[in-house]
PDB file of all heavy atoms in Angstrom:
ATOM      1  N   GLY A   1       4.306  10.012  15.091  1.00  0.00           N
ATOM      2  CA  GLY A   1       3.545   9.300  14.073  1.00  0.00           C
ATOM      3  C   GLY A   1       4.420   8.302  13.335  1.00  0.00           C
ATOM      4  O   GLY A   1       5.648   8.411  13.319  1.00  0.00           O
ATOM      5  N   TRP A   2       3.773   7.297  12.782  1.00  0.00           N
ATOM      6  CA  TRP A   2       4.407   6.353  11.874  1.00  0.00           C
ATOM      7  C   TRP A   2       3.780   6.531  10.491  1.00  0.00           C
ATOM      8  O   TRP A   2       2.548   6.595  10.361  1.00  0.00           O
ATOM      9  CB  TRP A   2       4.212   4.913  12.333  1.00  0.00           C
ATOM     10  CG  TRP A   2       5.065   4.506  13.495  1.00  0.00           C
ATOM     11  CD1 TRP A   2       4.712   4.468  14.803  1.00  0.00           C
ATOM     12  CD2 TRP A   2       6.423   4.052  13.427  1.00  0.00           C
ATOM     13  NE1 TRP A   2       5.760   4.033  15.570  1.00  0.00           N
ATOM     14  CE2 TRP A   2       6.828   3.760  14.748  1.00  0.00           C
ATOM     15  CE3 TRP A   2       7.341   3.859  12.399  1.00  0.00           C
ATOM     16  CZ2 TRP A   2       8.110   3.289  15.068  1.00  0.00           C
ATOM     17  CZ3 TRP A   2       8.599   3.399  12.709  1.00  0.00           C
ATOM     18  CH2 TRP A   2       8.978   3.116  14.027  1.00  0.00           C
ATOM     19  N   PHE A   3       4.636   6.584   9.484  1.00  0.00           N
ATOM     20  CA  PHE A   3       4.213   6.661   8.097  1.00  0.00           C
ATOM     21  C   PHE A   3       4.895   5.544   7.328  1.00  0.00           C
ATOM     22  O   PHE A   3       5.861   4.945   7.812  1.00  0.00           O
ATOM     23  CB  PHE A   3       4.602   8.022   7.499  1.00  0.00           C
ATOM     24  CG  PHE A   3       3.821   9.178   8.052  1.00  0.00           C
ATOM     25  CD1 PHE A   3       4.107   9.698   9.302  1.00  0.00           C
ATOM     26  CD2 PHE A   3       2.798   9.751   7.331  1.00  0.00           C
ATOM     27  CE1 PHE A   3       3.386  10.757   9.837  1.00  0.00           C
ATOM     28  CE2 PHE A   3       2.065  10.817   7.847  1.00  0.00           C
ATOM     29  CZ  PHE A   3       2.365  11.314   9.098  1.00  0.00           C
ATOM     30  N   ARG A   4       4.414   5.274   6.121  1.00  0.00           N
ATOM     31  CA  ARG A   4       5.073   4.283   5.283  1.00  0.00           C
ATOM     32  C   ARG A   4       5.004   4.710   3.829  1.00  0.00           C
ATOM     33  O   ARG A   4       4.123   5.454   3.428  1.00  0.00           O
ATOM     34  CB  ARG A   4       4.447   2.906   5.479  1.00  0.00           C
ATOM     35  CG  ARG A   4       3.016   2.777   4.983  1.00  0.00           C
ATOM     36  CD  ARG A   4       2.452   1.412   5.369  1.00  0.00           C
ATOM     37  NE  ARG A   4       1.079   1.233   4.898  1.00  0.00           N
ATOM     38  CZ  ARG A   4       0.316   0.192   5.204  1.00  0.00           C
ATOM     39  NH1 ARG A   4       0.793  -0.776   6.001  1.00  0.00           N
ATOM     40  NH2 ARG A   4      -0.913   0.102   4.729  1.00  0.00           N
ATOM     41  N   GLN A   5       5.962   4.210   3.076  1.00  0.00           N
ATOM     42  CA  GLN A   5       5.999   4.502   1.648  1.00  0.00           C
ATOM     43  C   GLN A   5       6.393   3.246   0.897  1.00  0.00           C
ATOM     44  O   GLN A   5       7.495   2.711   1.099  1.00  0.00           O
ATOM     45  CB  GLN A   5       6.974   5.637   1.341  1.00  0.00           C
ATOM     46  CG  GLN A   5       6.924   6.099  -0.094  1.00  0.00           C
ATOM     47  CD  GLN A   5       7.646   7.414  -0.313  1.00  0.00           C
ATOM     48  OE1 GLN A   5       8.467   7.844   0.500  1.00  0.00           O
ATOM     49  NE2 GLN A   5       7.329   8.089  -1.409  1.00  0.00           N
ATOM     50  N   ALA A   6       5.486   2.785   0.052  1.00  0.00           N
ATOM     51  CA  ALA A   6       5.740   1.630  -0.796  1.00  0.00           C
ATOM     52  C   ALA A   6       6.301   2.113  -2.129  1.00  0.00           C
ATOM     53  O   ALA A   6       6.087   3.263  -2.520  1.00  0.00           O
ATOM     54  CB  ALA A   6       4.443   0.852  -1.017  1.00  0.00           C
ATOM     55  N   PRO A   7       7.002   1.254  -2.857  1.00  0.00           N
ATOM     56  CA  PRO A   7       7.583   1.659  -4.151  1.00  0.00           C
ATOM     57  C   PRO A   7       6.520   2.203  -5.093  1.00  0.00           C
ATOM     58  O   PRO A   7       5.473   1.585  -5.285  1.00  0.00           O
ATOM     59  CB  PRO A   7       8.188   0.360  -4.680  1.00  0.00           C
ATOM     60  CG  PRO A   7       8.482  -0.437  -3.460  1.00  0.00           C
ATOM     61  CD  PRO A   7       7.381  -0.125  -2.493  1.00  0.00           C
ATOM     62  N   GLY A   8       6.792   3.367  -5.663  1.00  0.00           N
ATOM     63  CA  GLY A   8       5.873   3.962  -6.618  1.00  0.00           C
ATOM     64  C   GLY A   8       4.655   4.618  -6.012  1.00  0.00           C
ATOM     65  O   GLY A   8       3.767   5.070  -6.742  1.00  0.00           O
ATOM     66  N   LYS A   9       4.592   4.662  -4.689  1.00  0.00           N
ATOM     67  CA  LYS A   9       3.437   5.265  -4.023  1.00  0.00           C
ATOM     68  C   LYS A   9       3.864   6.428  -3.137  1.00  0.00           C
ATOM     69  O   LYS A   9       5.021   6.544  -2.768  1.00  0.00           O
ATOM     70  CB  LYS A   9       2.701   4.212  -3.188  1.00  0.00           C
ATOM     71  CG  LYS A   9       2.089   3.097  -4.019  1.00  0.00           C
ATOM     72  CD  LYS A   9       1.220   2.197  -3.155  1.00  0.00           C
ATOM     73  CE  LYS A   9       0.538   1.128  -3.986  1.00  0.00           C
ATOM     74  NZ  LYS A   9      -0.334   0.254  -3.153  1.00  0.00           N
ATOM     75  N   GLU A  10       2.905   7.261  -2.791  1.00  0.00           N
ATOM     76  CA  GLU A  10       3.182   8.371  -1.895  1.00  0.00           C
ATOM     77  C   GLU A  10       3.270   7.879  -0.450  1.00  0.00           C
ATOM     78  O   GLU A  10       2.712   6.846  -0.089  1.00  0.00           O
ATOM     79  CB  GLU A  10       2.083   9.426  -2.024  1.00  0.00           C
ATOM     80  CG  GLU A  10       2.051  10.120  -3.372  1.00  0.00           C
ATOM     81  CD  GLU A  10       1.083  11.278  -3.396  1.00  0.00           C
ATOM     82  OE1 GLU A  10       0.355  11.476  -2.406  1.00  0.00           O
ATOM     83  OE2 GLU A  10       1.052  11.989  -4.412  1.00  0.00           O
ATOM     84  N   ARG A  11       3.965   8.675   0.355  1.00  0.00           N
ATOM     85  CA  ARG A  11       4.045   8.354   1.772  1.00  0.00           C
ATOM     86  C   ARG A  11       2.662   8.500   2.397  1.00  0.00           C
ATOM     87  O   ARG A  11       1.947   9.460   2.119  1.00  0.00           O
ATOM     88  CB  ARG A  11       5.040   9.288   2.459  1.00  0.00           C
ATOM     89  CG  ARG A  11       5.358   8.935   3.883  1.00  0.00           C
ATOM     90  CD  ARG A  11       6.489   9.787   4.429  1.00  0.00           C
ATOM     91  NE  ARG A  11       7.719   9.589   3.679  1.00  0.00           N
ATOM     92  CZ  ARG A  11       8.891  10.111   4.040  1.00  0.00           C
ATOM     93  NH1 ARG A  11       8.977  10.853   5.138  1.00  0.00           N
ATOM     94  NH2 ARG A  11       9.970   9.910   3.315  1.00  0.00           N
ATOM     95  N   GLU A  12       2.297   7.543   3.240  1.00  0.00           N
ATOM     96  CA  GLU A  12       0.972   7.578   3.848  1.00  0.00           C
ATOM     97  C   GLU A  12       1.047   7.411   5.357  1.00  0.00           C
ATOM     98  O   GLU A  12       1.949   6.743   5.883  1.00  0.00           O
ATOM     99  CB  GLU A  12       0.073   6.485   3.260  1.00  0.00           C
ATOM    100  CG  GLU A  12       0.539   5.071   3.509  1.00  0.00           C
ATOM    101  CD  GLU A  12      -0.435   4.011   2.989  1.00  0.00           C
ATOM    102  OE1 GLU A  12      -1.476   4.391   2.395  1.00  0.00           O
ATOM    103  OE2 GLU A  12      -0.169   2.816   3.182  1.00  0.00           O
ATOM    104  N   PHE A  13       0.075   8.008   6.014  1.00  0.00           N
ATOM    105  CA  PHE A  13      -0.039   7.906   7.462  1.00  0.00           C
ATOM    106  C   PHE A  13      -0.427   6.491   7.851  1.00  0.00           C
ATOM    107  O   PHE A  13      -1.278   5.866   7.212  1.00  0.00           O
ATOM    108  CB  PHE A  13      -1.095   8.895   7.950  1.00  0.00           C
ATOM    109  CG  PHE A  13      -1.473   8.753   9.391  1.00  0.00           C
ATOM    110  CD1 PHE A  13      -0.673   9.273  10.387  1.00  0.00           C
ATOM    111  CD2 PHE A  13      -2.634   8.081   9.749  1.00  0.00           C
ATOM    112  CE1 PHE A  13      -1.026   9.138  11.722  1.00  0.00           C
ATOM    113  CE2 PHE A  13      -2.996   7.950  11.073  1.00  0.00           C
ATOM    114  CZ  PHE A  13      -2.182   8.470  12.065  1.00  0.00           C
ATOM    115  N   VAL A  14       0.191   5.988   8.920  1.00  0.00           N
ATOM    116  CA  VAL A  14      -0.137   4.657   9.443  1.00  0.00           C
ATOM    117  C   VAL A  14      -0.786   4.768  10.823  1.00  0.00           C
ATOM    118  O   VAL A  14      -1.876   4.242  11.053  1.00  0.00           O
ATOM    119  CB  VAL A  14       1.118   3.774   9.530  1.00  0.00           C
ATOM    120  CG1 VAL A  14       0.777   2.432  10.180  1.00  0.00           C
ATOM    121  CG2 VAL A  14       1.725   3.562   8.149  1.00  0.00           C
ATOM    122  N   ALA A  15      -0.105   5.452  11.734  1.00  0.00           N
ATOM    123  CA  ALA A  15      -0.610   5.553  13.101  1.00  0.00           C
ATOM    124  C   ALA A  15       0.016   6.765  13.777  1.00  0.00           C
ATOM    125  O   ALA A  15       1.122   7.165  13.433  1.00  0.00           O
ATOM    126  CB  ALA A  15      -0.284   4.295  13.898  1.00  0.00           C
ATOM    127  N   GLY A  16      -0.713   7.316  14.739  1.00  0.00           N
ATOM    128  CA  GLY A  16      -0.203   8.462  15.483  1.00  0.00           C
ATOM    129  C   GLY A  16      -0.567   8.359  16.945  1.00  0.00           C
ATOM    130  O   GLY A  16      -1.520   7.651  17.316  1.00  0.00           O
ATOM    131  N   ILE A  17       0.204   9.054  17.781  1.00  0.00           N
ATOM    132  CA  ILE A  17      -0.018   8.998  19.219  1.00  0.00           C
ATOM    133  C   ILE A  17       0.266  10.361  19.821  1.00  0.00           C
ATOM    134  O   ILE A  17       1.198  11.061  19.421  1.00  0.00           O
ATOM    135  CB  ILE A  17       0.854   7.884  19.847  1.00  0.00           C
ATOM    136  CG1 ILE A  17       0.482   7.639  21.304  1.00  0.00           C
ATOM    137  CG2 ILE A  17       2.349   8.193  19.701  1.00  0.00           C
ATOM    138  CD1 ILE A  17       1.064   6.338  21.864  1.00  0.00           C
ATOM    139  N   SER A  18      -0.554  10.742  20.783  1.00  0.00           N
ATOM    140  CA  SER A  18      -0.385  12.035  21.443  1.00  0.00           C
ATOM    141  C   SER A  18       0.785  11.983  22.426  1.00  0.00           C
ATOM    142  O   SER A  18       1.378  10.928  22.663  1.00  0.00           O
ATOM    143  CB  SER A  18      -1.676  12.415  22.159  1.00  0.00           C
ATOM    144  OG  SER A  18      -2.022  11.434  23.128  1.00  0.00           O
ATOM    145  N   GLN A  19       1.080  13.126  23.015  1.00  0.00           N
ATOM    146  CA  GLN A  19       2.294  13.258  23.828  1.00  0.00           C
ATOM    147  C   GLN A  19       2.360  12.273  24.986  1.00  0.00           C
ATOM    148  O   GLN A  19       3.419  11.725  25.271  1.00  0.00           O
ATOM    149  CB  GLN A  19       2.393  14.679  24.362  1.00  0.00           C
ATOM    150  CG  GLN A  19       2.675  15.712  23.304  1.00  0.00           C
ATOM    151  CD  GLN A  19       2.692  17.108  23.872  1.00  0.00           C
ATOM    152  OE1 GLN A  19       2.702  17.310  25.082  1.00  0.00           O
ATOM    153  NE2 GLN A  19       2.697  18.105  22.996  1.00  0.00           N
ATOM    154  N   THR A  20       1.259  12.060  25.660  1.00  0.00           N
ATOM    155  CA  THR A  20       1.283  11.162  26.809  1.00  0.00           C
ATOM    156  C   THR A  20       0.782   9.769  26.466  1.00  0.00           C
ATOM    157  O   THR A  20       0.745   8.906  27.333  1.00  0.00           O
ATOM    158  CB  THR A  20       0.420  11.726  27.946  1.00  0.00           C
ATOM    159  OG1 THR A  20      -0.915  11.872  27.469  1.00  0.00           O
ATOM    160  CG2 THR A  20       0.955  13.065  28.435  1.00  0.00           C
ATOM    161  N   GLY A  21       0.385   9.568  25.212  1.00  0.00           N
ATOM    162  CA  GLY A  21      -0.141   8.267  24.808  1.00  0.00           C
ATOM    163  C   GLY A  21      -1.630   8.116  25.038  1.00  0.00           C
ATOM    164  O   GLY A  21      -2.187   7.048  24.788  1.00  0.00           O
ATOM    165  N   THR A  22      -2.263   9.175  25.508  1.00  0.00           N
ATOM    166  CA  THR A  22      -3.690   9.105  25.803  1.00  0.00           C
ATOM    167  C   THR A  22      -4.513   8.833  24.558  1.00  0.00           C
ATOM    168  O   THR A  22      -5.472   8.055  24.582  1.00  0.00           O
ATOM    169  CB  THR A  22      -4.169  10.424  26.439  1.00  0.00           C
ATOM    170  OG1 THR A  22      -3.413  10.662  27.624  1.00  0.00           O
ATOM    171  CG2 THR A  22      -5.647  10.387  26.757  1.00  0.00           C
ATOM    172  N   ASN A  23      -4.149   9.470  23.469  1.00  0.00           N
ATOM    173  CA  ASN A  23      -4.905   9.338  22.220  1.00  0.00           C
ATOM    174  C   ASN A  23      -4.061   8.699  21.140  1.00  0.00           C
ATOM    175  O   ASN A  23      -2.876   9.001  21.000  1.00  0.00           O
ATOM    176  CB  ASN A  23      -5.382  10.703  21.750  1.00  0.00           C
ATOM    177  CG  ASN A  23      -6.429  11.301  22.673  1.00  0.00           C
ATOM    178  OD1 ASN A  23      -7.221  10.583  23.279  1.00  0.00           O
ATOM    179  ND2 ASN A  23      -6.430  12.610  22.799  1.00  0.00           N
ATOM    180  N   THR A  24      -4.696   7.817  20.379  1.00  0.00           N
ATOM    181  CA  THR A  24      -4.065   7.202  19.225  1.00  0.00           C
ATOM    182  C   THR A  24      -5.042   7.230  18.051  1.00  0.00           C
ATOM    183  O   THR A  24      -6.253   7.365  18.243  1.00  0.00           O
ATOM    184  CB  THR A  24      -3.659   5.737  19.498  1.00  0.00           C
ATOM    185  OG1 THR A  24      -4.830   4.987  19.858  1.00  0.00           O
ATOM    186  CG2 THR A  24      -2.650   5.648  20.626  1.00  0.00           C
ATOM    187  N   TYR A  25      -4.474   7.104  16.852  1.00  0.00           N
ATOM    188  CA  TYR A  25      -5.322   7.106  15.655  1.00  0.00           C
ATOM    189  C   TYR A  25      -4.625   6.263  14.600  1.00  0.00           C
ATOM    190  O   TYR A  25      -3.402   6.278  14.484  1.00  0.00           O
ATOM    191  CB  TYR A  25      -5.542   8.529  15.147  1.00  0.00           C
ATOM    192  CG  TYR A  25      -6.586   8.626  14.072  1.00  0.00           C
ATOM    193  CD1 TYR A  25      -7.941   8.613  14.408  1.00  0.00           C
ATOM    194  CD2 TYR A  25      -6.254   8.727  12.734  1.00  0.00           C
ATOM    195  CE1 TYR A  25      -8.913   8.687  13.434  1.00  0.00           C
ATOM    196  CE2 TYR A  25      -7.209   8.811  11.754  1.00  0.00           C
ATOM    197  CZ  TYR A  25      -8.543   8.798  12.097  1.00  0.00           C
ATOM    198  OH  TYR A  25      -9.515   8.872  11.134  1.00  0.00           O
ATOM    199  N   TYR A  26      -5.428   5.521  13.816  1.00  0.00           N
ATOM    200  CA  TYR A  26      -4.875   4.591  12.842  1.00  0.00           C
ATOM    201  C   TYR A  26      -5.501   4.784  11.472  1.00  0.00           C
ATOM    202  O   TYR A  26      -6.677   5.130  11.343  1.00  0.00           O
ATOM    203  CB  TYR A  26      -5.116   3.144  13.286  1.00  0.00           C
ATOM    204  CG  TYR A  26      -4.476   2.802  14.605  1.00  0.00           C
ATOM    205  CD1 TYR A  26      -5.151   2.977  15.809  1.00  0.00           C
ATOM    206  CD2 TYR A  26      -3.176   2.308  14.652  1.00  0.00           C
ATOM    207  CE1 TYR A  26      -4.559   2.670  17.020  1.00  0.00           C
ATOM    208  CE2 TYR A  26      -2.573   1.992  15.858  1.00  0.00           C
ATOM    209  CZ  TYR A  26      -3.272   2.181  17.048  1.00  0.00           C
ATOM    210  OH  TYR A  26      -2.671   1.872  18.234  1.00  0.00           O
ATOM    211  N   GLN A  27      -4.718   4.487  10.464  1.00  0.00           N
ATOM    212  CA  GLN A  27      -5.264   4.370   9.117  1.00  0.00           C
ATOM    213  C   GLN A  27      -6.224   3.183   9.107  1.00  0.00           C
ATOM    214  O   GLN A  27      -5.991   2.174   9.784  1.00  0.00           O
ATOM    215  CB  GLN A  27      -4.125   4.117   8.133  1.00  0.00           C
ATOM    216  CG  GLN A  27      -4.546   4.039   6.683  1.00  0.00           C
ATOM    217  CD  GLN A  27      -3.502   3.337   5.831  1.00  0.00           C
ATOM    218  OE1 GLN A  27      -3.723   2.197   5.440  1.00  0.00           O
ATOM    219  NE2 GLN A  27      -2.411   3.999   5.525  1.00  0.00           N
ATOM    220  N   ASN A  28      -7.294   3.293   8.349  1.00  0.00           N
ATOM    221  CA  ASN A  28      -8.314   2.239   8.350  1.00  0.00           C
ATOM    222  C   ASN A  28      -7.749   0.856   8.043  1.00  0.00           C
ATOM    223  O   ASN A  28      -8.152  -0.146   8.648  1.00  0.00           O
ATOM    224  CB  ASN A  28      -9.408   2.573   7.345  1.00  0.00           C
ATOM    225  CG  ASN A  28     -10.326   3.679   7.829  1.00  0.00           C
ATOM    226  OD1 ASN A  28     -10.364   3.980   9.018  1.00  0.00           O
ATOM    227  ND2 ASN A  28     -11.053   4.289   6.923  1.00  0.00           N
ATOM    228  N   SER A  29      -6.810   0.788   7.114  1.00  0.00           N
ATOM    229  CA  SER A  29      -6.328  -0.522   6.670  1.00  0.00           C
ATOM    230  C   SER A  29      -5.500  -1.249   7.724  1.00  0.00           C
ATOM    231  O   SER A  29      -5.279  -2.458   7.597  1.00  0.00           O
ATOM    232  CB  SER A  29      -5.510  -0.379   5.387  1.00  0.00           C
ATOM    233  OG  SER A  29      -4.290   0.290   5.647  1.00  0.00           O
ATOM    234  N   VAL A  30      -5.035  -0.546   8.734  1.00  0.00           N
ATOM    235  CA  VAL A  30      -4.222  -1.197   9.774  1.00  0.00           C
ATOM    236  C   VAL A  30      -4.943  -1.254  11.112  1.00  0.00           C
ATOM    237  O   VAL A  30      -4.452  -1.888  12.055  1.00  0.00           O
ATOM    238  CB  VAL A  30      -2.858  -0.489   9.958  1.00  0.00           C
ATOM    239  CG1 VAL A  30      -2.142  -0.338   8.631  1.00  0.00           C
ATOM    240  CG2 VAL A  30      -3.005   0.855  10.644  1.00  0.00           C
ATOM    241  N   ASN A  31      -6.073  -0.590  11.208  1.00  0.00           N
ATOM    242  CA  ASN A  31      -6.821  -0.555  12.458  1.00  0.00           C
ATOM    243  C   ASN A  31      -7.204  -1.976  12.878  1.00  0.00           C
ATOM    244  O   ASN A  31      -7.756  -2.742  12.090  1.00  0.00           O
ATOM    245  CB  ASN A  31      -8.078   0.291  12.290  1.00  0.00           C
ATOM    246  CG  ASN A  31      -8.616   0.767  13.615  1.00  0.00           C
ATOM    247  OD1 ASN A  31      -7.965   0.677  14.647  1.00  0.00           O
ATOM    248  ND2 ASN A  31      -9.839   1.288  13.604  1.00  0.00           N
ATOM    249  N   GLY A  32      -6.853  -2.305  14.123  1.00  0.00           N
ATOM    250  CA  GLY A  32      -7.121  -3.640  14.635  1.00  0.00           C
ATOM    251  C   GLY A  32      -5.959  -4.603  14.456  1.00  0.00           C
ATOM    252  O   GLY A  32      -5.928  -5.669  15.077  1.00  0.00           O
TER     253      GLY A  32
END
């Protein structure tokens, strides 16, 4: 998974990928 943390904010999920890459999932704000 990829996460990010901006100053003064909590760490948030950005994107994730399964072991073989078959499945991925994105935070709404970065989707697309």
